[in-house]
């Protein structure tokens, strides 16, 4: 059953790529609710999101779809995909600095959903803080701003994660 659900999720992701909308992304998130991250990895969903996030200049629909699906999966509180979401988060965070406004906006919204969710779980918050600190080294100012906004969200919702990361944040 697992490979079938994974394959179906990749098929639905391709539909979201063809016409990226929040509704289609939410439908995909609802479809995979209850599936494990490993099942989706076996089916290829995480690889599809990663590949779409790195699509070329003329493929903004693919990049936007990756952001919308990432945001929908992050917003769905009923799934347990944190470990896999963290793995692909860096690709989405980098899209905050995309030249296409639709992609950058979708990436920013997705990162906010991701950080809200991650900041509620101290174990996930710790690994996510490391990803956010890597954003501060980006050459794109939009990515740096998203990283700083994320750290501010962590400071509000999960101050313990920020306290542990202080030596890296303030050298």
N, C-alpha and C. Protein backbone atom coordinates (compact mmCIF):
# COMPACT_ATOMS: atom_id res chain seq x y z
N UNK A 1 0.83 -1.20 0.00
CA UNK A 1 0.00 0.00 0.00
C UNK A 1 0.86 1.26 0.00
N UNK A 2 1.98 1.22 0.72
CA UNK A 2 2.82 2.40 0.83
C UNK A 2 3.30 2.91 -0.51
N UNK A 3 3.88 2.05 -1.37
CA UNK A 3 4.34 2.57 -2.65
C UNK A 3 3.19 3.12 -3.49
N UNK A 4 2.01 2.53 -3.35
CA UNK A 4 0.86 3.01 -4.12
C UNK A 4 0.49 4.42 -3.69
N UNK A 5 0.44 4.69 -2.38
CA UNK A 5 0.12 6.03 -1.89
C UNK A 5 1.21 7.02 -2.31
N UNK A 6 2.45 6.59 -2.22
CA UNK A 6 3.55 7.45 -2.64
C UNK A 6 3.46 7.78 -4.12
N UNK A 7 3.16 6.79 -4.93
CA UNK A 7 3.03 7.00 -6.38
C UNK A 7 1.85 7.92 -6.68
N UNK A 8 0.75 7.72 -5.96
CA UNK A 8 -0.42 8.59 -6.15
C UNK A 8 -0.11 10.03 -5.74
N UNK A 9 0.68 10.18 -4.67
CA UNK A 9 1.03 11.54 -4.24
C UNK A 9 1.92 12.23 -5.28
N UNK A 10 2.82 11.48 -5.91
CA UNK A 10 3.66 12.06 -6.96
C UNK A 10 2.82 12.43 -8.17
N UNK A 11 1.85 11.59 -8.49
CA UNK A 11 0.95 11.88 -9.61
C UNK A 11 0.15 13.17 -9.32
N UNK A 12 -0.34 13.29 -8.09
CA UNK A 12 -1.09 14.49 -7.73
C UNK A 12 -0.18 15.71 -7.69
N UNK A 13 1.07 15.52 -7.28
CA UNK A 13 2.03 16.63 -7.28
C UNK A 13 2.25 17.13 -8.70
N UNK A 14 2.31 16.22 -9.66
CA UNK A 14 2.45 16.62 -11.06
C UNK A 14 1.26 17.46 -11.52
N UNK A 15 0.08 17.15 -11.01
CA UNK A 15 -1.10 17.95 -11.32
C UNK A 15 -0.99 19.35 -10.71
N UNK A 16 -0.44 19.42 -9.49
CA UNK A 16 -0.24 20.72 -8.85
C UNK A 16 0.79 21.53 -9.65
N UNK A 17 1.82 20.85 -10.15
CA UNK A 17 2.83 21.53 -10.97
C UNK A 17 2.21 22.12 -12.24
N UNK A 18 1.26 21.38 -12.82
CA UNK A 18 0.62 21.85 -14.05
C UNK A 18 -0.21 23.11 -13.80
N UNK A 19 -0.87 23.15 -12.65
CA UNK A 19 -1.68 24.32 -12.30
C UNK A 19 -1.54 24.55 -10.79
N UNK A 20 -0.50 25.30 -10.39
CA UNK A 20 -0.25 25.49 -8.97
C UNK A 20 -1.28 26.38 -8.28
N UNK A 21 -2.03 25.78 -7.36
CA UNK A 21 -2.98 26.53 -6.54
C UNK A 21 -2.89 26.02 -5.11
N UNK A 22 -3.27 26.87 -4.16
CA UNK A 22 -3.28 26.45 -2.76
C UNK A 22 -4.28 25.32 -2.53
N UNK A 23 -5.39 25.37 -3.25
CA UNK A 23 -6.42 24.34 -3.10
C UNK A 23 -5.90 22.97 -3.51
N UNK A 24 -5.21 22.92 -4.65
CA UNK A 24 -4.66 21.65 -5.12
C UNK A 24 -3.60 21.12 -4.15
N UNK A 25 -2.78 22.01 -3.63
CA UNK A 25 -1.75 21.62 -2.66
C UNK A 25 -2.40 21.10 -1.38
N UNK A 26 -3.47 21.76 -0.93
CA UNK A 26 -4.17 21.31 0.28
C UNK A 26 -4.82 19.95 0.06
N UNK A 27 -5.30 19.71 -1.14
CA UNK A 27 -5.89 18.42 -1.48
C UNK A 27 -4.83 17.32 -1.41
N UNK A 28 -3.64 17.61 -1.88
CA UNK A 28 -2.54 16.64 -1.79
C UNK A 28 -2.18 16.38 -0.33
N UNK A 29 -2.09 17.43 0.48
CA UNK A 29 -1.78 17.27 1.90
C UNK A 29 -2.83 16.43 2.60
N UNK A 30 -4.09 16.63 2.23
CA UNK A 30 -5.17 15.84 2.82
C UNK A 30 -5.07 14.38 2.39
N UNK A 31 -4.70 14.15 1.13
CA UNK A 31 -4.60 12.78 0.63
C UNK A 31 -3.53 11.99 1.37
N UNK A 32 -2.41 12.62 1.69
CA UNK A 32 -1.31 11.89 2.33
C UNK A 32 -1.41 11.90 3.86
N UNK A 33 -2.44 12.51 4.39
CA UNK A 33 -2.63 12.54 5.85
C UNK A 33 -2.67 11.11 6.37
N UNK A 34 -1.90 10.86 7.38
CA UNK A 34 -1.85 9.52 7.96
C UNK A 34 -0.72 8.67 7.40
N UNK A 35 -0.15 9.07 6.27
CA UNK A 35 0.98 8.34 5.70
C UNK A 35 2.25 8.73 6.44
N UNK A 36 3.20 7.84 6.46
CA UNK A 36 4.48 8.17 7.08
C UNK A 36 5.37 8.85 6.06
N UNK A 37 6.34 9.57 6.55
CA UNK A 37 7.29 10.22 5.66
C UNK A 37 8.07 9.21 4.85
N UNK A 38 8.35 8.05 5.45
CA UNK A 38 9.07 6.99 4.73
C UNK A 38 8.25 6.46 3.56
N UNK A 39 6.96 6.33 3.75
CA UNK A 39 6.09 5.87 2.66
C UNK A 39 6.13 6.85 1.50
N UNK A 40 6.08 8.14 1.82
CA UNK A 40 6.11 9.16 0.78
C UNK A 40 7.48 9.24 0.13
N UNK A 41 8.54 8.99 0.91
CA UNK A 41 9.89 8.97 0.35
C UNK A 41 10.04 7.80 -0.62
N UNK A 42 9.51 6.67 -0.23
CA UNK A 42 9.57 5.48 -1.08
C UNK A 42 8.84 5.71 -2.39
N UNK A 43 7.76 6.44 -2.33
CA UNK A 43 6.99 6.76 -3.54
C UNK A 43 7.60 7.87 -4.37
N UNK A 44 8.51 8.65 -3.77
CA UNK A 44 9.22 9.68 -4.52
C UNK A 44 8.71 11.10 -4.34
N UNK A 45 7.80 11.34 -3.39
CA UNK A 45 7.26 12.69 -3.23
C UNK A 45 8.32 13.70 -2.82
N UNK A 46 9.16 13.34 -1.85
CA UNK A 46 10.17 14.29 -1.37
C UNK A 46 11.17 14.61 -2.48
N UNK A 47 11.53 13.59 -3.26
CA UNK A 47 12.44 13.84 -4.38
C UNK A 47 11.78 14.75 -5.42
N UNK A 48 10.49 14.57 -5.63
CA UNK A 48 9.76 15.40 -6.60
C UNK A 48 9.71 16.85 -6.12
N UNK A 49 9.48 17.06 -4.84
CA UNK A 49 9.45 18.42 -4.29
C UNK A 49 10.83 19.06 -4.42
N UNK A 50 11.86 18.31 -4.07
CA UNK A 50 13.23 18.84 -4.17
C UNK A 50 13.57 19.19 -5.62
N UNK A 51 13.26 18.30 -6.54
CA UNK A 51 13.57 18.55 -7.96
C UNK A 51 12.80 19.77 -8.48
N UNK A 52 11.54 19.87 -8.11
CA UNK A 52 10.73 21.01 -8.57
C UNK A 52 11.25 22.32 -7.99
N UNK A 53 11.74 22.28 -6.76
CA UNK A 53 12.24 23.51 -6.14
C UNK A 53 13.52 24.00 -6.82
N UNK A 54 14.20 23.11 -7.52
CA UNK A 54 15.44 23.48 -8.20
C UNK A 54 15.26 23.59 -9.71
N UNK A 55 14.01 23.64 -10.17
CA UNK A 55 13.74 23.74 -11.60
C UNK A 55 14.30 25.04 -12.15
N UNK A 56 14.58 25.05 -13.44
CA UNK A 56 15.22 26.18 -14.10
C UNK A 56 14.38 27.45 -14.14
N UNK A 57 14.98 28.49 -14.70
CA UNK A 57 14.37 29.83 -14.73
C UNK A 57 12.98 29.86 -15.35
N UNK A 58 12.79 29.13 -16.41
CA UNK A 58 11.52 29.20 -17.16
C UNK A 58 10.45 28.28 -16.58
N UNK A 59 10.74 27.64 -15.47
CA UNK A 59 9.80 26.68 -14.88
C UNK A 59 9.30 27.15 -13.52
N UNK A 60 8.81 28.38 -13.50
CA UNK A 60 8.35 28.93 -12.22
C UNK A 60 7.15 28.20 -11.66
N UNK A 61 6.32 27.57 -12.52
CA UNK A 61 5.16 26.82 -12.02
C UNK A 61 5.62 25.64 -11.17
N UNK A 62 6.70 24.99 -11.56
CA UNK A 62 7.23 23.87 -10.77
C UNK A 62 7.73 24.36 -9.42
N UNK A 63 8.47 25.46 -9.43
CA UNK A 63 8.99 26.00 -8.17
C UNK A 63 7.86 26.45 -7.26
N UNK A 64 6.85 27.09 -7.85
CA UNK A 64 5.70 27.54 -7.06
C UNK A 64 4.95 26.34 -6.48
N UNK A 65 4.79 25.29 -7.28
CA UNK A 65 4.10 24.08 -6.81
C UNK A 65 4.85 23.46 -5.63
N UNK A 66 6.18 23.43 -5.71
CA UNK A 66 6.97 22.88 -4.61
C UNK A 66 6.71 23.67 -3.32
N UNK A 67 6.66 24.99 -3.45
CA UNK A 67 6.41 25.84 -2.28
C UNK A 67 5.00 25.63 -1.72
N UNK A 68 4.02 25.58 -2.61
CA UNK A 68 2.63 25.41 -2.16
C UNK A 68 2.42 24.08 -1.46
N UNK A 69 2.99 23.01 -2.02
CA UNK A 69 2.83 21.69 -1.40
C UNK A 69 3.58 21.63 -0.08
N UNK A 70 4.78 22.17 -0.05
CA UNK A 70 5.55 22.23 1.20
C UNK A 70 4.77 22.98 2.27
N UNK A 71 4.19 24.10 1.90
CA UNK A 71 3.39 24.88 2.85
C UNK A 71 2.17 24.13 3.33
N UNK A 72 1.50 23.44 2.41
CA UNK A 72 0.30 22.68 2.78
C UNK A 72 0.65 21.52 3.71
N UNK A 73 1.75 20.84 3.44
CA UNK A 73 2.17 19.74 4.31
C UNK A 73 2.60 20.27 5.67
N UNK A 74 3.23 21.43 5.69
CA UNK A 74 3.64 22.03 6.96
C UNK A 74 2.45 22.50 7.78
N UNK A 75 1.42 22.99 7.11
CA UNK A 75 0.24 23.52 7.80
C UNK A 75 -0.67 22.43 8.34
N UNK A 76 -0.60 21.24 7.76
CA UNK A 76 -1.49 20.14 8.16
C UNK A 76 -0.99 19.54 9.47
N UNK A 77 -1.64 19.89 10.56
CA UNK A 77 -1.23 19.43 11.89
C UNK A 77 -1.45 17.95 12.12
N UNK A 78 -2.24 17.31 11.28
CA UNK A 78 -2.56 15.91 11.51
C UNK A 78 -1.53 14.94 10.94
N UNK A 79 -0.61 15.42 10.11
CA UNK A 79 0.41 14.51 9.60
C UNK A 79 1.64 14.54 10.50
N UNK A 80 2.44 13.52 10.40
CA UNK A 80 3.66 13.39 11.22
C UNK A 80 4.87 13.29 10.29
N UNK A 81 5.15 14.36 9.59
CA UNK A 81 6.18 14.35 8.56
C UNK A 81 7.35 15.26 8.87
N UNK A 82 7.49 15.68 10.13
CA UNK A 82 8.46 16.70 10.47
C UNK A 82 9.87 16.38 9.98
N UNK A 83 10.34 15.17 10.21
CA UNK A 83 11.72 14.83 9.83
C UNK A 83 11.95 15.00 8.33
N UNK A 84 10.97 14.67 7.54
CA UNK A 84 11.11 14.78 6.09
C UNK A 84 10.91 16.22 5.62
N UNK A 85 10.03 16.93 6.30
CA UNK A 85 9.81 18.33 5.94
C UNK A 85 11.09 19.14 6.21
N UNK A 86 11.76 18.86 7.31
CA UNK A 86 12.99 19.58 7.63
C UNK A 86 14.05 19.33 6.56
N UNK A 87 14.10 18.11 6.04
CA UNK A 87 15.10 17.77 5.02
C UNK A 87 14.95 18.59 3.75
N UNK A 88 13.73 18.90 3.34
CA UNK A 88 13.54 19.66 2.10
C UNK A 88 13.36 21.16 2.36
N UNK A 89 13.35 21.55 3.62
CA UNK A 89 13.08 22.96 3.94
C UNK A 89 14.10 23.92 3.35
N UNK A 90 15.37 23.53 3.33
CA UNK A 90 16.40 24.44 2.83
C UNK A 90 16.16 24.82 1.37
N UNK A 91 15.66 23.88 0.58
CA UNK A 91 15.38 24.17 -0.83
C UNK A 91 14.27 25.22 -0.96
N UNK A 92 13.26 25.09 -0.11
CA UNK A 92 12.13 26.03 -0.16
C UNK A 92 12.56 27.40 0.38
N UNK A 93 13.35 27.40 1.44
CA UNK A 93 13.81 28.66 2.03
C UNK A 93 14.58 29.47 0.99
N UNK A 94 15.39 28.81 0.19
CA UNK A 94 16.17 29.52 -0.83
C UNK A 94 15.27 30.17 -1.88
N UNK A 95 14.07 29.64 -2.08
CA UNK A 95 13.15 30.20 -3.07
C UNK A 95 12.51 31.51 -2.63
N UNK A 96 12.69 31.88 -1.36
CA UNK A 96 12.19 33.17 -0.90
C UNK A 96 12.85 34.29 -1.69
N UNK A 97 14.05 34.05 -2.18
CA UNK A 97 14.76 35.05 -2.96
C UNK A 97 14.58 34.90 -4.46
N UNK A 98 13.60 34.12 -4.90
CA UNK A 98 13.36 33.90 -6.32
C UNK A 98 12.95 35.21 -7.00
N UNK A 99 13.33 35.36 -8.26
CA UNK A 99 13.01 36.59 -9.00
C UNK A 99 11.53 36.67 -9.38
N UNK A 100 10.87 35.52 -9.50
CA UNK A 100 9.45 35.51 -9.82
C UNK A 100 8.65 35.79 -8.54
N UNK A 101 7.85 36.81 -8.57
CA UNK A 101 7.11 37.25 -7.38
C UNK A 101 6.19 36.14 -6.83
N UNK A 102 5.51 35.41 -7.72
CA UNK A 102 4.60 34.35 -7.27
C UNK A 102 5.35 33.26 -6.51
N UNK A 103 6.53 32.91 -7.01
CA UNK A 103 7.34 31.88 -6.36
C UNK A 103 7.84 32.38 -5.01
N UNK A 104 8.37 33.60 -4.99
CA UNK A 104 8.90 34.16 -3.75
C UNK A 104 7.81 34.28 -2.68
N UNK A 105 6.62 34.70 -3.08
CA UNK A 105 5.51 34.83 -2.14
C UNK A 105 5.08 33.46 -1.61
N UNK A 106 4.96 32.49 -2.50
CA UNK A 106 4.58 31.14 -2.08
C UNK A 106 5.64 30.55 -1.15
N UNK A 107 6.91 30.80 -1.45
CA UNK A 107 7.99 30.29 -0.60
C UNK A 107 7.95 30.96 0.78
N UNK A 108 7.73 32.26 0.81
CA UNK A 108 7.67 32.99 2.08
C UNK A 108 6.52 32.46 2.95
N UNK A 109 5.36 32.28 2.35
CA UNK A 109 4.21 31.75 3.09
C UNK A 109 4.48 30.33 3.59
N UNK A 110 5.12 29.51 2.74
CA UNK A 110 5.43 28.13 3.12
C UNK A 110 6.42 28.09 4.28
N UNK A 111 7.42 28.95 4.23
CA UNK A 111 8.42 28.99 5.30
C UNK A 111 7.77 29.42 6.60
N UNK A 112 6.86 30.39 6.55
CA UNK A 112 6.17 30.82 7.76
C UNK A 112 5.36 29.67 8.37
N UNK A 113 4.65 28.92 7.53
CA UNK A 113 3.88 27.77 8.03
C UNK A 113 4.81 26.74 8.65
N UNK A 114 5.91 26.49 7.97
CA UNK A 114 6.89 25.52 8.45
C UNK A 114 7.46 25.92 9.80
N UNK A 115 7.83 27.18 9.95
CA UNK A 115 8.42 27.65 11.19
C UNK A 115 7.40 27.64 12.33
N UNK A 116 6.16 28.02 12.03
CA UNK A 116 5.10 27.96 13.06
C UNK A 116 4.97 26.54 13.59
N UNK A 117 4.95 25.59 12.68
CA UNK A 117 4.80 24.19 13.08
C UNK A 117 6.04 23.71 13.84
N UNK A 118 7.22 24.00 13.31
CA UNK A 118 8.45 23.52 13.93
C UNK A 118 8.66 24.12 15.31
N UNK A 119 8.23 25.36 15.51
CA UNK A 119 8.46 26.02 16.79
C UNK A 119 7.58 25.46 17.91
N UNK A 120 6.61 24.65 17.56
CA UNK A 120 5.74 24.04 18.58
C UNK A 120 6.34 22.75 19.14
N UNK A 121 7.36 22.21 18.48
CA UNK A 121 7.96 20.95 18.89
C UNK A 121 9.44 21.19 19.17
N UNK A 122 9.86 21.15 20.43
CA UNK A 122 11.25 21.47 20.76
C UNK A 122 12.29 20.62 20.02
N UNK A 123 11.99 19.36 19.79
CA UNK A 123 12.95 18.50 19.09
C UNK A 123 13.13 18.94 17.64
N UNK A 124 12.05 19.28 16.99
CA UNK A 124 12.10 19.74 15.60
C UNK A 124 12.68 21.15 15.55
N UNK A 125 12.36 21.95 16.54
CA UNK A 125 12.84 23.33 16.57
C UNK A 125 14.36 23.39 16.56
N UNK A 126 15.00 22.48 17.25
CA UNK A 126 16.45 22.49 17.32
C UNK A 126 17.09 22.29 15.95
N UNK A 127 16.62 21.30 15.19
CA UNK A 127 17.20 21.05 13.87
C UNK A 127 16.80 22.15 12.88
N UNK A 128 15.63 22.69 13.05
CA UNK A 128 15.17 23.76 12.17
C UNK A 128 15.97 25.04 12.40
N UNK A 129 16.33 25.31 13.64
CA UNK A 129 17.15 26.49 13.93
C UNK A 129 18.46 26.44 13.15
N UNK A 130 19.05 25.25 13.02
CA UNK A 130 20.29 25.12 12.26
C UNK A 130 20.08 25.50 10.80
N UNK A 131 18.94 25.09 10.22
CA UNK A 131 18.61 25.45 8.84
C UNK A 131 18.44 26.97 8.71
N UNK A 132 17.78 27.57 9.67
CA UNK A 132 17.54 29.00 9.62
C UNK A 132 18.85 29.79 9.75
N UNK A 133 19.77 29.29 10.54
CA UNK A 133 21.05 29.99 10.68
C UNK A 133 21.86 29.91 9.39
N UNK A 134 21.71 28.84 8.63
CA UNK A 134 22.39 28.74 7.34
C UNK A 134 21.86 29.79 6.36
N UNK A 135 20.61 30.18 6.51
CA UNK A 135 20.01 31.20 5.65
C UNK A 135 20.73 32.53 5.80
N UNK A 136 21.27 32.78 6.95
CA UNK A 136 21.92 34.06 7.20
C UNK A 136 23.19 34.24 6.37
N UNK A 137 23.70 33.14 5.80
CA UNK A 137 24.89 33.21 4.95
C UNK A 137 24.53 33.41 3.48
N UNK A 138 23.26 33.47 3.16
CA UNK A 138 22.82 33.62 1.77
C UNK A 138 23.23 34.97 1.20
N UNK A 139 23.40 35.01 -0.11
CA UNK A 139 23.72 36.28 -0.77
C UNK A 139 22.45 37.07 -1.07
N UNK A 140 21.28 36.43 -0.96
CA UNK A 140 20.01 37.10 -1.24
C UNK A 140 19.44 37.66 0.05
N UNK A 141 19.18 38.95 0.05
CA UNK A 141 18.71 39.58 1.27
C UNK A 141 17.34 39.04 1.70
N UNK A 142 16.49 38.65 0.74
CA UNK A 142 15.16 38.14 1.10
C UNK A 142 15.28 36.85 1.92
N UNK A 143 16.26 36.04 1.59
CA UNK A 143 16.48 34.79 2.32
C UNK A 143 16.98 35.10 3.73
N UNK A 144 17.87 36.08 3.84
CA UNK A 144 18.36 36.48 5.16
C UNK A 144 17.21 37.00 6.03
N UNK A 145 16.35 37.82 5.43
CA UNK A 145 15.21 38.36 6.17
C UNK A 145 14.29 37.23 6.63
N UNK A 146 14.03 36.26 5.75
CA UNK A 146 13.19 35.12 6.13
C UNK A 146 13.83 34.35 7.28
N UNK A 147 15.14 34.19 7.24
CA UNK A 147 15.84 33.51 8.33
C UNK A 147 15.71 34.25 9.65
N UNK A 148 15.86 35.57 9.60
CA UNK A 148 15.73 36.38 10.82
C UNK A 148 14.29 36.37 11.35
N UNK A 149 13.31 36.44 10.43
CA UNK A 149 11.91 36.35 10.86
C UNK A 149 11.64 35.01 11.52
N UNK A 150 12.23 33.96 10.98
CA UNK A 150 12.04 32.63 11.54
C UNK A 150 12.65 32.53 12.93
N UNK A 151 13.83 33.08 13.09
CA UNK A 151 14.47 33.06 14.41
C UNK A 151 13.63 33.85 15.41
N UNK A 152 13.03 34.95 14.97
CA UNK A 152 12.15 35.73 15.85
C UNK A 152 10.93 34.91 16.27
N UNK A 153 10.38 34.14 15.33
CA UNK A 153 9.25 33.27 15.66
C UNK A 153 9.66 32.22 16.68
N UNK A 154 10.85 31.66 16.50
CA UNK A 154 11.35 30.68 17.47
C UNK A 154 11.54 31.32 18.84
N UNK A 155 12.03 32.55 18.86
CA UNK A 155 12.24 33.23 20.14
C UNK A 155 10.93 33.41 20.89
N UNK A 156 9.84 33.65 20.14
CA UNK A 156 8.53 33.80 20.77
C UNK A 156 7.94 32.46 21.22
N UNK A 157 8.01 31.46 20.35
CA UNK A 157 7.30 30.20 20.59
C UNK A 157 8.14 29.11 21.24
N UNK A 158 9.45 29.15 21.05
CA UNK A 158 10.31 28.09 21.58
C UNK A 158 11.64 28.71 22.02
N UNK A 159 11.61 29.49 23.09
CA UNK A 159 12.83 30.18 23.50
C UNK A 159 13.98 29.24 23.87
N UNK A 160 13.68 28.02 24.26
CA UNK A 160 14.74 27.08 24.61
C UNK A 160 15.62 26.77 23.40
N UNK A 161 15.04 26.65 22.22
CA UNK A 161 15.82 26.39 21.01
C UNK A 161 16.75 27.56 20.70
N UNK A 162 16.26 28.77 20.90
CA UNK A 162 17.08 29.96 20.65
C UNK A 162 18.19 30.03 21.70
N UNK A 163 17.89 29.70 22.95
CA UNK A 163 18.90 29.74 24.00
C UNK A 163 20.05 28.79 23.70
N UNK A 164 19.73 27.60 23.22
CA UNK A 164 20.77 26.63 22.88
C UNK A 164 21.61 27.11 21.69
N UNK A 165 20.97 27.82 20.77
CA UNK A 165 21.65 28.29 19.56
C UNK A 165 22.37 29.62 19.72
N UNK A 166 22.30 30.23 20.88
CA UNK A 166 22.90 31.56 21.08
C UNK A 166 24.39 31.63 20.73
N UNK A 167 25.20 30.64 21.06
CA UNK A 167 26.62 30.75 20.68
C UNK A 167 26.82 30.86 19.16
N UNK A 168 25.97 30.24 18.38
CA UNK A 168 26.07 30.34 16.93
C UNK A 168 25.45 31.64 16.41
N UNK A 169 24.37 32.09 17.07
CA UNK A 169 23.70 33.31 16.63
C UNK A 169 24.52 34.55 16.92
N UNK A 170 25.12 34.59 18.09
CA UNK A 170 25.90 35.76 18.51
C UNK A 170 27.32 35.27 18.79
N UNK A 171 28.18 35.33 17.78
CA UNK A 171 29.55 34.81 17.98
C UNK A 171 30.37 35.65 18.94
